[in-house]
Protein backbone atom coordinates (compact mmCIF):
# COMPACT_ATOMS: atom_id res chain seq x y z
CA UNK A 1 -0.06 -0.13 0.00
CA UNK A 2 1.61 3.35 -1.02
CA UNK A 3 1.46 6.09 1.74
CA UNK A 4 2.79 9.44 1.82
CA UNK A 5 5.52 9.75 4.28
CA UNK A 6 7.46 13.13 4.38
CA UNK A 7 8.21 13.93 0.75
CA UNK A 8 8.44 10.50 -0.81
CA UNK A 9 6.02 7.68 -1.42
CA UNK A 10 6.83 4.32 0.37
CA UNK A 11 5.23 0.98 -0.06
CA UNK A 12 3.70 -1.06 2.96
CA UNK A 13 4.40 -4.71 1.93
CA UNK A 14 2.07 -6.86 4.12
CA UNK A 15 1.80 -10.67 4.39
CA UNK A 16 -1.35 -12.21 6.05
CA UNK A 17 -1.33 -15.97 6.73
CA UNK A 18 -3.86 -18.42 8.41
CA UNK A 19 -3.35 -20.63 11.53
CA UNK A 20 -4.63 -24.36 11.45
CA UNK A 21 -7.78 -22.97 13.22
CA UNK A 22 -8.63 -20.47 10.60
CA UNK A 23 -7.58 -17.18 11.99
CA UNK A 24 -5.95 -14.80 9.95
CA UNK A 25 -2.74 -13.32 11.28
CA UNK A 26 -0.26 -10.61 10.24
CA UNK A 27 2.93 -12.37 9.58
CA UNK A 28 4.98 -9.79 7.64
CA UNK A 29 4.94 -5.95 7.63
CA UNK A 30 7.82 -3.82 6.19
CA UNK A 31 8.22 -0.45 4.65
CA UNK A 32 10.35 -0.22 1.36
CA UNK A 33 10.63 2.53 -1.27
CA UNK A 34 9.20 0.14 -3.87
CA UNK A 35 7.73 -3.04 -4.65
CA UNK A 36 10.84 -4.68 -6.03
CA UNK A 37 11.57 -8.31 -5.81
CA UNK A 38 14.55 -7.44 -3.57
CA UNK A 39 12.13 -5.80 -1.15
CA UNK A 40 9.67 -8.76 -1.11
CA UNK A 41 12.62 -11.05 -0.97
CA UNK A 42 13.80 -9.44 2.23
CA UNK A 43 10.33 -9.57 3.81
CA UNK A 44 10.02 -13.37 3.07
CA UNK A 45 13.60 -14.04 4.24
CA UNK A 46 12.47 -12.40 7.48
CA UNK A 47 9.41 -14.49 7.80
CA UNK A 48 11.40 -17.61 7.55
CA UNK A 49 14.01 -16.42 10.00
CA UNK A 50 11.19 -15.71 12.54
CA UNK A 51 9.83 -19.23 12.42
CA UNK A 52 7.50 -19.88 9.44
CA UNK A 53 8.59 -23.33 8.83
CA UNK A 54 5.83 -24.64 6.65
CA UNK A 55 5.98 -23.09 3.12
CA UNK A 56 2.88 -21.82 1.80
CA UNK A 57 0.97 -23.97 -0.51
CA UNK A 58 -0.59 -21.12 -2.53
CA UNK A 59 -0.12 -17.34 -2.60
CA UNK A 60 -2.59 -14.87 -3.55
CA UNK A 61 -1.99 -11.32 -4.70
CA UNK A 62 -2.28 -8.70 -7.68
CA UNK A 63 0.25 -8.20 -10.46
CA UNK A 64 3.38 -7.01 -8.34
CA UNK A 65 5.99 -9.00 -10.41
CA UNK A 66 8.48 -8.30 -7.72
CA UNK A 67 6.41 -10.32 -5.28
CA UNK A 68 6.06 -13.39 -7.65
CA UNK A 69 9.91 -13.56 -8.36
CA UNK A 70 10.77 -13.37 -4.82
CA UNK A 71 8.25 -16.09 -3.91
CA UNK A 72 9.77 -18.50 -6.37
CA UNK A 73 13.32 -17.82 -5.00
CA UNK A 74 12.30 -18.30 -1.42
CA UNK A 75 9.52 -20.76 -1.75
CA UNK A 76 9.98 -22.35 -5.11
CA UNK A 77 7.25 -24.53 -6.65
CA UNK A 78 4.55 -22.84 -4.77
CA UNK A 79 1.06 -22.21 -6.41
CA UNK A 80 0.33 -18.45 -7.65
CA UNK A 81 -3.28 -17.27 -7.58
CA UNK A 82 -3.85 -13.88 -9.32
CA UNK A 83 -6.47 -11.72 -7.61
CA UNK A 84 -9.92 -11.75 -9.32
CA UNK A 85 -10.55 -8.12 -8.16
CA UNK A 86 -7.28 -6.51 -9.59
CA UNK A 87 -7.19 -8.62 -12.66
CA UNK A 88 -10.61 -7.73 -14.08
CA UNK A 89 -9.95 -4.06 -13.29
CA UNK A 90 -6.79 -4.40 -15.58
CA UNK A 91 -8.93 -5.98 -18.32
CA UNK A 92 -11.67 -3.60 -18.17
CA UNK A 93 -9.21 -0.55 -18.35
CA UNK A 94 -8.33 -1.64 -21.80
CA UNK A 95 -11.92 -1.33 -23.31
CA UNK A 96 -14.34 1.67 -23.70
CA UNK A 97 -16.73 2.26 -20.71
CA UNK A 98 -19.72 1.49 -22.94
CA UNK A 99 -18.27 -2.22 -23.16
CA UNK A 100 -17.29 -2.61 -19.50
CA UNK A 101 -20.58 -3.53 -17.80
CA UNK A 102 -21.12 -6.59 -20.25
CA UNK A 103 -17.36 -7.50 -20.20
CA UNK A 104 -17.53 -7.51 -16.37
CA UNK A 105 -20.46 -9.91 -16.33
CA UNK A 106 -18.63 -12.32 -18.55
CA UNK A 107 -15.45 -12.13 -16.47
CA UNK A 108 -17.74 -13.09 -13.54
CA UNK A 109 -18.95 -16.10 -15.48
CA UNK A 110 -15.30 -17.34 -15.34
CA UNK A 111 -14.30 -17.09 -11.79
CA UNK A 112 -17.77 -17.88 -10.76
CA UNK A 113 -17.85 -21.30 -12.55
CA UNK A 114 -18.36 -24.40 -10.41
CA UNK A 115 -15.64 -26.39 -12.13
CA UNK A 116 -12.44 -25.47 -13.84
CA UNK A 117 -13.55 -27.00 -17.09
CA UNK A 118 -16.45 -24.75 -17.10
CA UNK A 119 -14.38 -21.73 -16.07
CA UNK A 120 -11.81 -22.66 -19.18
CA UNK A 121 -15.02 -22.93 -21.41
CA UNK A 122 -16.23 -19.53 -20.15
CA UNK A 123 -12.60 -17.99 -20.75
CA UNK A 124 -12.66 -19.30 -24.29
CA UNK A 125 -16.01 -17.74 -24.89
CA UNK A 126 -14.72 -14.40 -23.56
CA UNK A 127 -11.92 -14.54 -25.97
CA UNK A 128 -13.97 -15.35 -28.76
CA UNK A 129 -16.40 -12.64 -28.13
CA UNK A 130 -13.79 -9.82 -27.41
CA UNK A 131 -10.54 -11.15 -28.84
CA UNK A 132 -10.78 -9.47 -32.30
CA UNK A 133 -12.03 -6.03 -31.39
CA UNK A 134 -10.16 -5.87 -28.04
CA UNK A 135 -6.87 -7.90 -28.29
CA UNK A 136 -5.23 -6.03 -25.40
CA UNK A 137 -8.00 -6.99 -23.03
CA UNK A 138 -8.02 -10.54 -24.26
CA UNK A 139 -4.18 -10.90 -23.71
CA UNK A 140 -4.27 -9.31 -20.30
CA UNK A 141 -6.65 -12.14 -19.08
CA UNK A 142 -5.19 -14.92 -21.03
CA UNK A 143 -1.52 -14.47 -20.12
CA UNK A 144 -2.34 -15.34 -16.50
CA UNK A 145 -4.84 -18.25 -17.18
CA UNK A 146 -3.29 -20.74 -14.82
CA UNK A 147 -2.70 -18.30 -12.02
CA UNK A 148 -6.24 -17.15 -12.42
CA UNK A 149 -7.69 -20.70 -12.18
CA UNK A 150 -5.46 -22.13 -9.50
CA UNK A 151 -8.05 -21.96 -6.80
CA UNK A 152 -9.98 -24.84 -8.25
CA UNK A 153 -7.27 -27.20 -6.99
CA UNK A 154 -7.93 -26.22 -3.45
CA UNK A 155 -11.01 -26.86 -1.09
CA UNK A 156 -14.13 -25.26 -2.20
CA UNK A 157 -14.70 -23.73 1.19
CA UNK A 158 -11.49 -21.71 0.50
CA UNK A 159 -12.41 -20.42 -2.75
CA UNK A 160 -13.81 -16.98 -1.52
CA UNK A 161 -10.72 -16.52 0.20
CA UNK A 162 -8.23 -17.44 -2.48
CA UNK A 163 -9.96 -15.80 -5.48
CA UNK A 164 -8.81 -12.28 -4.27
CA UNK A 165 -6.62 -10.45 -2.01
CA UNK A 166 -9.54 -9.13 -0.06
CA UNK A 167 -8.50 -10.30 3.26
CA UNK A 168 -5.50 -7.57 2.98
CA UNK A 169 -7.60 -5.15 1.05
CA UNK A 170 -10.39 -4.99 3.64
CA UNK A 171 -7.91 -4.50 6.50
CA UNK A 172 -6.26 -1.53 4.55
CA UNK A 173 -9.67 0.07 3.68
CA UNK A 174 -9.66 1.25 7.43
CA UNK A 175 -5.76 2.16 7.12
CA UNK A 176 -6.55 4.34 4.03
CA UNK A 177 -9.58 6.02 5.79
CA UNK A 178 -7.39 6.97 8.56
CA UNK A 179 -4.37 8.20 6.65
CA UNK A 180 -6.21 10.11 4.29
CA UNK A 181 -7.88 12.07 7.07
CA UNK A 182 -4.43 12.80 8.61
CA UNK A 183 -3.52 16.48 8.08
CA UNK A 184 -0.32 17.18 6.33
CA UNK A 185 2.49 14.60 5.56
CA UNK A 186 3.29 12.26 8.40
CA UNK A 187 7.20 11.76 9.52
CA UNK A 188 8.14 8.23 8.25
CA UNK A 189 8.50 6.96 11.92
CA UNK A 190 4.96 8.21 12.80
CA UNK A 191 3.22 6.83 9.68
CA UNK A 192 4.80 3.38 10.10
CA UNK A 193 3.61 3.18 13.67
CA UNK A 194 0.18 4.71 13.14
CA UNK A 195 -0.46 2.06 10.30
CA UNK A 196 0.94 -0.94 12.21
CA UNK A 197 -1.15 0.03 15.18
CA UNK A 198 -4.38 0.30 12.94
CA UNK A 199 -3.55 -3.25 11.41
CA UNK A 200 -3.16 -4.76 14.78
CA UNK A 201 -6.39 -3.16 15.94
CA UNK A 202 -8.29 -4.49 12.71
CA UNK A 203 -6.82 -7.92 13.30
CA UNK A 204 -9.18 -8.22 16.59
CA UNK A 205 -12.21 -8.09 14.39
CA UNK A 206 -11.02 -10.35 11.46
CA UNK A 207 -13.43 -13.20 10.71
CA UNK A 208 -12.12 -16.76 10.59
CA UNK A 209 -11.51 -18.41 7.25
CA UNK A 210 -14.20 -20.73 5.99
CA UNK A 211 -13.37 -24.46 6.01
CA UNK A 212 -10.72 -24.32 8.61
CA UNK A 213 -11.11 -28.20 8.96
CA UNK A 214 -9.79 -28.41 5.53
CA UNK A 215 -6.42 -26.66 6.25
CA UNK A 216 -4.64 -29.52 7.76
CA UNK A 217 -5.38 -31.59 4.76
CA UNK A 218 -3.77 -28.76 2.45
CA UNK A 219 -0.73 -28.80 4.39
CA UNK A 220 -0.42 -32.49 4.28
CA UNK A 221 -0.69 -32.53 0.56
CA UNK A 222 -4.01 -34.09 -0.03
CA UNK A 223 -5.19 -33.49 -3.61
CA UNK A 224 -8.27 -31.54 -4.47
CA UNK A 225 -9.90 -31.23 -7.79
CA UNK A 226 -12.62 -28.81 -8.52
CA UNK A 227 -12.68 -28.18 -4.64
CA UNK A 228 -13.44 -31.69 -3.60
CA UNK A 229 -10.95 -33.96 -2.16
CA UNK A 230 -9.59 -36.73 -4.42
CA UNK A 231 -9.72 -40.15 -2.68
CA UNK A 232 -7.79 -43.06 -4.01
CA UNK A 233 -10.14 -45.80 -5.51
CA UNK A 234 -9.51 -49.14 -3.72
CA UNK A 235 -7.76 -51.77 -5.86
CA UNK A 236 -10.20 -54.60 -6.42
CA UNK A 237 -7.72 -56.57 -8.81
CA UNK A 238 -6.94 -60.22 -7.68
CA UNK A 239 -3.64 -60.63 -6.03
């Protein structure tokens, strides 16, 4: 989150995780000049140093390329999920306003589909419908196809939390409201302290994640397909 501190804009780099009981917790918070890969790398390394021994199975975020590069270096092989709030905004920004309502509804058909197959079919319809006239919008969507549909390989109870970065955005709505109302530029130290206090106060009101009983299964590596746990079929072949 960019915030004005003295005469320069600085970025608040924030990581929120979940406990096995489904409680959301602030696990990383640093201030950097920009959202570079090095900035995110330092934060992820610090999180590991402070005791995060279980690597995240999936990371959800917007299009900050620095974050994704750092994630692949510190926690290689982990799943990327692109935010279904930020991505549609980026896609809609590439078409006239008159087209946006219909296109927004078509985007909703993709991430609201009940299965990955249905989502891929809706995405194909989107490209067929808009690709010729608005190629930049179609390309913006399709280049992140896998990262946009990654949530289908996790429990259906978690989809609401995984499809967007709203768990962080909702917290920072309060932070933005308070900082915008603050008169004049804050000193760097004062701004950091105020924002940290606001986040910690918001933590007390965070709702638990849905499907907390599924979290241990995700950590244990249980496979999910279209939100449902995949169970091995018994082998009835004769010995």
